[in-house]
Amino acid sequence: MPISIKLTSGSIKDSFPVTLQWPSSLIPHPICAACQYSKGRHQSHKSHDHSIRAQATKPGDGVSADQLTASAPGIVSSNRGKPTTMKLNYCNVWIDHATSFVYVTFHATNDAKELLKSKAEFETFAAKYNEKIKSFRADNGINESSAFQTACNSNAQNLTFCAVGGHW
């Protein structure tokens, strides 16, 4: 008849003083002071004060504008005739500060003409919901073009510029 596991483990404990050795992979490595300091300086995104968002109390009070370049161009959909060879390489992103609503338009080129079409499309969408865009915040680039600045001025919209990645 086999001896029970409890009886065996109990008799071993009683007979021999057992010391366990931890595997070296489970022992945490010491962290240098510079690494500890740098980790202490990191702040999570959740602690961001969202000062841009706080300034916009209603939809349309402030909108961030940005243009992205696709690393893999998209195909233009076609539902009749011969498929086109045109590719969509760029998109304009419009983000409302008060609601965090994102509106995206896709384009084949990154010129000011496409940007103005995108701006008009976004403003038409906002007008469907009785919202008027009052202010834009954009980084330097195509948004800095005189055509975009003129379009903002003609609609009495404030335009401010920020560094790359400084929209939020």
Protein backbone atom coordinates (compact mmCIF):
# COMPACT_ATOMS: atom_id res chain seq x y z
CA MET A 1 0.00 0.00 0.00
CA PRO A 2 1.47 3.37 -1.00
CA ILE A 3 2.33 5.87 1.70
CA SER A 4 0.33 9.09 1.52
CA ILE A 5 2.00 12.25 0.25
CA LYS A 6 1.10 14.15 3.42
CA LEU A 7 2.74 11.57 5.60
CA THR A 8 5.88 11.58 3.46
CA SER A 9 6.23 15.35 3.30
CA GLY A 10 5.55 15.62 7.03
CA SER A 11 8.23 13.10 7.91
CA ILE A 12 10.78 14.82 5.66
CA LYS A 13 10.10 18.17 7.30
CA ASP A 14 10.49 16.64 10.72
CA SER A 15 13.72 14.85 9.82
CA PHE A 16 15.70 17.43 7.86
CA PRO A 17 15.97 21.20 8.04
CA VAL A 18 15.16 22.21 4.44
CA THR A 19 16.26 25.56 3.01
CA LEU A 20 14.84 26.58 -0.35
CA GLN A 21 17.01 28.20 -2.99
CA TRP A 22 15.19 30.63 -5.27
CA PRO A 23 16.04 30.33 -8.95
CA SER A 24 18.09 33.32 -10.10
CA SER A 25 15.47 34.19 -12.72
CA LEU A 26 12.96 34.99 -9.96
CA ILE A 27 15.24 37.32 -8.03
CA PRO A 28 14.69 40.92 -9.13
CA HIS A 29 17.72 42.62 -10.61
CA PRO A 30 18.98 45.72 -8.80
CA ILE A 31 18.02 48.98 -10.48
CA CYS A 32 20.58 51.77 -10.70
CA ALA A 33 19.82 55.19 -9.22
CA ALA A 34 19.55 56.86 -12.65
CA CYS A 35 16.92 54.35 -13.77
CA GLN A 36 14.95 54.81 -10.55
CA TYR A 37 15.09 58.58 -10.98
CA SER A 38 13.86 58.43 -14.58
CA LYS A 39 10.97 56.14 -13.64
CA GLY A 40 10.00 58.54 -10.88
CA ARG A 41 9.79 61.40 -13.39
CA HIS A 42 7.37 59.64 -15.76
CA GLN A 43 3.75 60.70 -15.57
CA SER A 44 0.87 58.81 -17.00
CA HIS A 45 -1.30 60.45 -19.63
CA LYS A 46 -4.23 60.31 -17.22
CA SER A 47 -2.64 62.98 -15.03
CA HIS A 48 -2.54 65.43 -17.95
CA ASP A 49 -4.55 68.54 -17.09
CA HIS A 50 -6.14 68.78 -20.57
CA SER A 51 -5.87 72.56 -20.58
CA ILE A 52 -6.87 72.72 -24.27
CA ARG A 53 -9.96 70.64 -23.56
CA ALA A 54 -10.84 72.79 -20.53
CA GLN A 55 -10.93 75.93 -22.69
CA ALA A 56 -13.51 74.43 -25.05
CA THR A 57 -16.87 74.19 -23.31
CA LYS A 58 -19.10 73.55 -26.35
CA PRO A 59 -18.60 71.63 -29.60
CA GLY A 60 -16.84 73.80 -32.16
CA ASP A 61 -15.12 76.04 -29.60
CA GLY A 62 -11.80 74.46 -30.47
CA VAL A 63 -10.73 71.92 -33.07
CA SER A 64 -7.29 70.38 -33.60
CA ALA A 65 -6.30 69.81 -37.22
CA ASP A 66 -3.60 67.44 -38.39
CA GLN A 67 -2.53 65.70 -41.58
CA LEU A 68 -1.18 62.16 -41.63
CA THR A 69 0.75 60.32 -44.31
CA ALA A 70 -0.02 56.65 -44.83
CA SER A 71 2.89 54.24 -45.12
CA ALA A 72 0.70 51.91 -47.19
CA PRO A 73 -1.62 53.75 -49.59
CA GLY A 74 -5.30 52.87 -49.57
CA ILE A 75 -7.33 51.90 -52.61
CA VAL A 76 -10.17 54.11 -53.82
CA SER A 77 -13.39 52.12 -53.85
CA SER A 78 -15.41 51.97 -57.06
CA ASN A 79 -18.82 50.41 -57.55
CA ARG A 80 -19.01 50.58 -61.35
CA GLY A 81 -16.73 50.69 -64.33
CA LYS A 82 -13.03 50.03 -64.39
CA PRO A 83 -11.26 50.25 -61.02
CA THR A 84 -9.07 53.31 -60.62
CA THR A 85 -5.34 53.22 -60.01
CA MET A 86 -5.51 56.29 -57.74
CA LYS A 87 -4.29 55.67 -54.17
CA LEU A 88 -5.18 57.48 -50.97
CA ASN A 89 -1.90 58.46 -49.32
CA TYR A 90 -2.99 61.18 -46.91
CA CYS A 91 -5.73 61.94 -44.42
CA ASN A 92 -6.80 65.05 -42.55
CA VAL A 93 -7.90 64.55 -38.96
CA TRP A 94 -10.20 67.02 -37.18
CA ILE A 95 -10.65 66.57 -33.41
CA ASP A 96 -13.15 68.59 -31.39
CA HIS A 97 -11.70 69.60 -28.02
CA ALA A 98 -14.95 69.64 -26.07
CA THR A 99 -16.30 66.26 -27.17
CA SER A 100 -13.16 64.47 -28.47
CA PHE A 101 -15.11 63.75 -31.66
CA VAL A 102 -12.81 62.72 -34.53
CA TYR A 103 -13.59 63.39 -38.20
CA VAL A 104 -11.26 61.99 -40.87
CA THR A 105 -11.08 62.65 -44.61
CA PHE A 106 -8.82 60.76 -47.03
CA HIS A 107 -6.88 62.28 -49.95
CA ALA A 108 -4.56 61.37 -52.79
CA THR A 109 -2.41 64.50 -52.44
CA ASN A 110 -1.29 66.69 -49.56
CA ASP A 111 -1.80 70.11 -51.14
CA ALA A 112 -3.77 73.06 -49.78
CA LYS A 113 -6.64 72.45 -52.21
CA GLU A 114 -7.35 69.05 -50.62
CA LEU A 115 -7.01 70.59 -47.15
CA LEU A 116 -9.61 73.25 -47.98
CA LYS A 117 -11.97 70.59 -49.35
CA SER A 118 -11.51 68.62 -46.12
CA LYS A 119 -12.12 71.73 -43.99
CA ALA A 120 -15.31 72.53 -45.93
CA GLU A 121 -16.51 68.92 -45.57
CA PHE A 122 -15.90 69.00 -41.81
CA GLU A 123 -17.67 72.36 -41.44
CA THR A 124 -20.64 71.06 -43.46
CA PHE A 125 -20.83 68.04 -41.17
CA ALA A 126 -20.76 70.31 -38.08
CA ALA A 127 -23.44 72.57 -39.60
CA LYS A 128 -25.80 69.57 -39.85
CA TYR A 129 -25.78 69.57 -36.04
CA ASN A 130 -26.05 73.39 -35.77
CA GLU A 131 -22.43 73.75 -34.69
CA LYS A 132 -20.05 76.41 -36.01
CA ILE A 133 -16.30 75.95 -35.77
CA LYS A 134 -14.83 78.94 -33.93
CA SER A 135 -11.16 78.03 -33.54
CA PHE A 136 -8.56 75.74 -35.10
CA ARG A 137 -5.29 74.52 -33.59
CA ALA A 138 -2.82 73.04 -36.07
CA ASP A 139 0.83 72.18 -36.38
CA ASN A 140 3.09 73.75 -38.94
CA GLY A 141 2.95 72.15 -42.35
CA ILE A 142 0.18 72.32 -44.90
CA ASN A 143 -2.05 73.95 -42.27
CA GLU A 144 0.33 76.92 -42.33
CA SER A 145 -0.47 77.63 -46.00
CA SER A 146 -1.82 81.07 -46.86
CA ALA A 147 -4.92 79.48 -48.45
CA PHE A 148 -5.87 77.78 -45.16
CA GLN A 149 -5.20 80.95 -43.16
CA THR A 150 -7.32 82.99 -45.60
CA ALA A 151 -10.16 80.46 -45.35
CA CYS A 152 -10.08 80.68 -41.55
CA ASN A 153 -10.00 84.49 -41.60
CA SER A 154 -12.91 84.70 -44.06
CA ASN A 155 -15.03 82.54 -41.72
CA ALA A 156 -13.97 84.54 -38.62
CA GLN A 157 -12.20 81.49 -37.18
CA ASN A 158 -9.22 81.79 -34.88
CA LEU A 159 -6.14 79.83 -36.02
CA THR A 160 -3.28 78.98 -33.65
CA PHE A 161 -0.20 76.89 -34.31
CA CYS A 162 1.56 74.42 -32.04
CA ALA A 163 4.57 72.15 -32.18
CA VAL A 164 4.27 68.71 -33.70
CA GLY A 165 2.36 66.51 -31.27
CA GLY A 166 1.24 69.52 -29.21
CA HIS A 167 -2.45 69.32 -30.07
CA TRP A 168 -3.44 67.94 -26.67
